[in-house]
Every structure is written in structure tokens, then in C-alpha cells.
Protein backbone atom coordinates (compact mmCIF):
# COMPACT_ATOMS: atom_id res chain seq x y z
CA MET A 1 86.16 153.52 0.66
CA LEU A 2 85.60 154.60 4.27
CA ARG A 3 87.24 152.28 6.77
CA GLN A 4 85.26 151.46 9.87
CA LEU A 5 85.74 149.56 13.08
CA PRO A 6 83.02 147.28 14.48
CA ARG A 7 81.41 148.32 17.75
CA TRP A 8 83.00 145.46 19.67
CA ALA A 9 86.45 146.68 18.60
CA TRP A 10 85.76 150.27 19.75
CA PHE A 11 84.42 149.10 23.09
CA GLY A 12 87.18 146.56 23.58
CA GLY A 13 89.94 148.98 22.63
CA GLY A 14 88.70 151.66 25.01
CA LEU A 15 88.19 149.17 27.84
CA LEU A 16 91.62 147.59 27.42
CA ALA A 17 93.25 151.03 27.41
CA PHE A 18 91.34 151.83 30.63
CA ILE A 19 92.58 148.57 32.16
CA ALA A 20 96.17 149.32 31.12
CA GLY A 21 95.99 152.80 32.61
CA MET A 22 94.80 151.35 35.90
CA ILE A 23 97.53 148.69 35.94
CA ASN A 24 100.21 151.28 35.26
CA ALA A 25 98.90 153.53 38.03
CA VAL A 26 99.29 150.63 40.46
CA GLY A 27 102.83 150.11 39.20
CA PHE A 28 103.80 153.73 39.76
CA MET A 29 102.11 154.04 43.14
CA GLY A 30 103.23 150.61 44.39
CA PHE A 31 106.40 149.60 46.20
CA ARG A 32 108.67 149.76 43.13
CA HIS A 33 107.20 152.92 41.58
CA GLN A 34 107.73 151.54 38.08
CA ALA A 35 105.87 151.40 34.79
CA ILE A 36 104.33 148.02 33.98
CA THR A 37 102.52 148.55 30.69
CA HIS A 38 105.44 149.70 28.51
CA LEU A 39 109.21 149.33 28.32
CA THR A 40 110.74 152.70 27.43
CA GLY A 41 111.42 153.77 31.01
CA THR A 42 112.26 150.19 31.98
CA THR A 43 114.94 149.99 29.29
CA THR A 44 116.34 153.34 30.42
CA LEU A 45 116.53 152.09 34.01
CA LEU A 46 118.25 148.94 32.77
CA GLY A 47 120.85 151.11 31.05
CA THR A 48 121.30 153.13 34.24
CA ALA A 49 121.77 149.97 36.31
CA LEU A 50 124.32 148.65 33.82
CA ALA A 51 126.21 151.95 33.92
CA GLU A 52 126.30 151.75 37.71
CA ALA A 53 127.29 148.06 37.61
CA ASN A 54 124.28 147.32 39.84
CA VAL A 55 123.78 143.64 39.04
CA GLY A 56 120.68 143.18 41.18
CA GLU A 57 118.80 146.10 39.64
CA ALA A 58 119.95 145.19 36.14
CA LEU A 59 118.60 141.67 36.63
CA HIS A 60 115.27 143.05 37.81
CA TRP A 61 114.85 145.25 34.73
CA VAL A 62 115.94 142.44 32.42
CA LEU A 63 113.30 140.17 33.96
CA ALA A 64 110.67 142.90 33.58
CA ILE A 65 111.50 143.26 29.87
CA VAL A 66 111.65 139.50 29.29
CA SER A 67 108.29 139.13 31.04
CA PHE A 68 106.61 141.69 28.78
CA VAL A 69 108.09 140.09 25.66
CA GLY A 70 107.05 136.69 26.99
CA GLY A 71 103.49 137.94 27.22
CA ALA A 72 103.64 139.01 23.57
CA VAL A 73 104.97 135.56 22.67
CA LEU A 74 102.06 134.01 24.57
CA SER A 75 99.64 136.21 22.63
CA GLY A 76 101.13 135.10 19.33
CA PHE A 77 100.74 131.49 20.41
CA ILE A 78 97.11 131.91 21.53
CA VAL A 79 95.70 134.40 18.99
CA GLN A 80 97.99 133.32 16.12
CA GLN A 81 97.21 136.31 13.88
CA HIS A 82 98.16 140.00 14.13
CA THR A 83 95.06 141.39 12.42
CA LEU A 84 92.03 142.34 14.50
CA LYS A 85 89.14 140.10 13.47
CA LEU A 86 86.07 138.59 15.08
CA GLY A 87 86.66 134.90 15.59
CA ARG A 88 90.17 135.19 16.98
CA ARG A 89 90.81 133.64 20.40
CA TYR A 90 90.72 136.96 22.24
CA GLY A 91 88.48 135.49 24.92
CA VAL A 92 91.12 132.92 25.84
CA ALA A 93 93.85 135.56 25.82
CA LEU A 94 91.83 137.87 28.06
CA MET A 95 91.08 135.12 30.55
CA VAL A 96 94.77 134.20 30.68
CA GLU A 97 95.55 137.87 31.31
CA SER A 98 92.97 137.87 34.10
CA LEU A 99 94.57 134.84 35.77
CA LEU A 100 98.01 136.46 35.56
CA LEU A 101 96.73 139.63 37.22
CA PHE A 102 94.92 137.70 39.96
CA ALA A 103 98.15 135.80 40.66
CA ALA A 104 100.13 139.05 40.71
CA VAL A 105 98.00 140.77 43.36
CA PRO A 106 99.15 138.95 46.54
CA LEU A 107 102.78 139.06 45.40
CA ILE A 108 102.74 142.79 44.67
CA HIS A 109 100.85 143.42 47.91
CA ASN A 110 103.69 141.71 49.78
CA GLY A 111 106.39 143.64 47.91
CA ASN A 112 107.47 140.65 45.82
CA ASP A 113 108.95 141.51 42.40
CA GLY A 114 107.44 138.31 41.01
CA GLY A 115 104.05 140.03 40.99
CA LEU A 116 105.43 142.78 38.77
CA TYR A 117 106.75 140.20 36.34
CA LEU A 118 103.35 138.49 36.17
CA ALA A 119 101.67 141.85 35.56
CA SER A 120 104.24 142.59 32.84
CA ILE A 121 103.43 139.28 31.14
CA ALA A 122 99.75 140.23 31.27
CA CYS A 123 100.43 143.62 29.67
CA GLY A 124 102.66 142.16 26.96
CA LEU A 125 99.89 139.68 26.18
CA GLN A 126 97.28 142.45 26.01
CA ASN A 127 99.35 144.80 23.89
CA ALA A 128 100.14 142.14 21.32
CA MET A 129 96.64 140.70 21.26
CA ALA A 130 95.19 143.10 18.68
CA SER A 131 97.70 144.92 16.54
CA THR A 132 95.84 146.18 13.48
CA TYR A 133 92.40 146.42 11.96
CA SER A 134 91.95 147.79 8.44
CA GLY A 135 95.28 149.58 8.71
CA ALA A 136 94.48 151.20 12.07
CA THR A 137 96.96 150.23 14.78
CA PHE A 138 95.46 149.28 18.16
CA ARG A 139 98.06 149.44 20.92
CA THR A 140 96.37 149.71 24.29
CA THR A 141 99.19 149.72 26.85
CA HIS A 142 101.33 152.69 25.77
CA LEU A 143 100.61 156.08 24.23
CA SER A 144 103.75 157.49 22.59
CA GLY A 145 102.70 156.31 19.15
CA MET A 146 99.15 157.58 19.65
CA PHE A 147 100.27 161.08 20.63
CA THR A 148 102.81 161.09 17.79
CA ASP A 149 100.09 160.21 15.29
CA LEU A 150 97.81 162.91 16.68
CA GLY A 151 100.58 165.46 16.26
CA ILE A 152 101.24 164.33 12.68
CA TYR A 153 97.57 164.60 11.76
CA ILE A 154 97.20 168.03 13.35
CA GLY A 155 100.20 169.19 11.34
CA GLN A 156 98.74 167.72 8.16
CA ARG A 157 95.42 169.38 8.88
CA LEU A 158 97.13 172.74 9.35
CA ARG A 159 98.64 172.28 5.90
CA GLY A 160 95.18 171.63 4.47
CA LEU A 161 95.91 167.97 3.77
CA ALA A 162 93.47 165.11 4.12
CA VAL A 163 93.79 163.17 7.37
CA ASP A 164 92.94 159.62 8.42
CA ALA A 165 89.76 160.13 10.47
CA LEU A 166 89.68 156.52 11.67
CA ARG A 167 93.21 156.71 13.01
CA ILE A 168 92.43 159.95 14.86
CA GLN A 169 89.37 158.34 16.46
CA VAL A 170 91.42 155.33 17.54
CA CYS A 171 94.03 157.64 19.10
CA VAL A 172 91.39 159.58 21.00
CA VAL A 173 89.65 156.45 22.29
CA VAL A 174 92.88 154.79 23.44
CA THR A 175 94.47 157.87 25.02
CA GLY A 176 91.19 158.83 26.68
CA GLY A 177 90.66 155.32 27.99
CA PHE A 178 94.20 155.07 29.33
CA LEU A 179 93.95 158.44 31.07
CA ALA A 180 90.61 157.52 32.63
CA GLY A 181 92.07 154.22 33.85
CA ALA A 182 95.15 155.89 35.32
CA THR A 183 92.96 158.44 37.10
CA ALA A 184 90.58 155.80 38.47
CA GLY A 185 93.46 153.54 39.47
CA SER A 186 95.21 156.34 41.35
CA LEU A 187 92.05 157.24 43.25
CA ILE A 188 91.21 153.62 44.11
CA PHE A 189 94.82 152.91 45.15
CA ARG A 190 94.34 155.30 48.07
CA VAL A 191 91.80 152.86 49.46
CA LEU A 192 92.77 149.41 48.20
CA GLN A 193 96.52 149.87 47.71
CA GLU A 194 97.99 147.13 45.49
CA ARG A 195 94.71 145.24 45.63
CA THR A 196 93.47 147.80 43.10
CA LEU A 197 94.89 145.36 40.56
CA LEU A 198 91.95 143.07 41.33
CA ILE A 199 89.72 145.41 39.31
CA PRO A 200 91.65 144.98 36.02
CA ALA A 201 91.80 141.25 36.79
CA VAL A 202 88.00 141.06 37.07
CA LEU A 203 87.46 143.30 34.03
CA THR A 204 89.72 141.26 31.76
CA GLY A 205 88.17 138.00 32.92
CA ALA A 206 84.64 139.31 32.41
CA SER A 207 85.59 140.77 29.03
CA GLY A 208 87.02 137.46 27.93
CA LEU A 209 83.85 135.64 28.91
CA ILE A 210 81.59 138.22 27.26
CA TYR A 211 83.65 138.16 24.08
CA ALA A 212 83.51 134.37 23.96
CA ILE A 213 79.70 134.49 24.23
CA TYR A 214 79.46 137.29 21.64
CA ARG A 215 81.74 135.44 19.25
CA HIS A 216 79.70 132.24 19.64
CA ARG A 217 76.44 134.07 18.87
CA GLN A 218 77.90 135.91 15.87
CA VAL A 219 79.32 132.72 14.41
CA GLY A 220 75.98 131.01 14.95
CA MET A 221 74.20 133.74 12.94
CA HIS A 222 76.37 133.11 9.85
């Protein structure tokens, strides 16, 4: 049986990856020059700070990690399920993410670490919001797993083995969306600086509202 994703899931996954790419570009080009959407580098920097006995820096990285995890906790509380399905409270989650990003903008613009923590909460919320659909993992704020899966499937293909076409398509959509968002965010940052984060804030808020309307109409048709 061929697995498929609904159109709203494809559009939403690509858009959220685009948003994450833009947020991360702001993080790298901003005053701290740090990743916001994932924790691999953050954890490494925490280890470095601990090795150097730099209490202030270690505390910052701990707070960044706790913020991201806190966002995932918030997602679990709001959405309640880990499977991607129409009818979940994604609209509420997206609008909460939007509010967090709006609140983060003036703080980041003024060089306040609190803005980075709010943005990290938003990204943890987004990444946890939709984990799987029909066995296909949707992670929109980091790409290591996506590129790993692409490599695995290329290797399997070279061996003449059957590959998971749906998973490949998900990887391409998410990596492409993230790259496009990072590119756009970097270009816009030259003009708007940290206020570039207002664009992801507006996009997540609008997406949440549109999803809520779409969900209401779909439910009404059944």
C-alpha cells in the first residue's frame, strides 16, 4: 500500500522548514552568532564552557537547551499526540509560536539573551509539534537526520534495493525549505537586522489561523 501525505502536510512541512531556516539565520547573524533551531552545537558549546569553567557561558547554554526542551514540553501539552493528523491543535501551537517570536524580537534587537531563549522555546515547540505521519518523520528545525536518511537511501538504491519514496520526498521538501529560509533570512537580515524575525512571527501566526479555518471546514464536511 502506497503511503501518502495530505497536501496540507506537505505545504505545512515545507513552510515550517522555511521558517526554521530563517530563524536560524537570524541566530547566526545576530549578536550571539548561535544556532537557535537545534541543540547539537549548543551542547558542544556547553561542554566547552564547562571545560573552561566559564560559569556565565555555561549557564547561557543550559538555559538555551532548557528553553528548547521547554518548547517541546509545551507542544506535548497543547497538541497531546505525536502523530501528524488533521484535527490536532496545530493552529493553537503555531499561534503560541508566533507570540513567542514577536516577544523575542525587541529583546534580540537589544542584545538581550532572553530573546534567544524565547526563540528557542518557539523552535522546540515547532519541532515537536508534528513528529510522524504514516511512518514518515517530520522534523522541521534540524537537518542531520534528513541528510542521513538521504545518504542511506542513495546507498540502498546503488545496491538495487527498494527505497522509501515518501521518506525521500519528505527529506527533499524539508531540506529545501530550510535552505530557502536560511538564504532568505540572511539576505533580509542585511536590511532588517534582528527584526527579520518578525517575518517568521507573522508566518507562523498566519499559518496557525489558516490551519484553524481549514480544520474547521474539513471537520464540518464530515
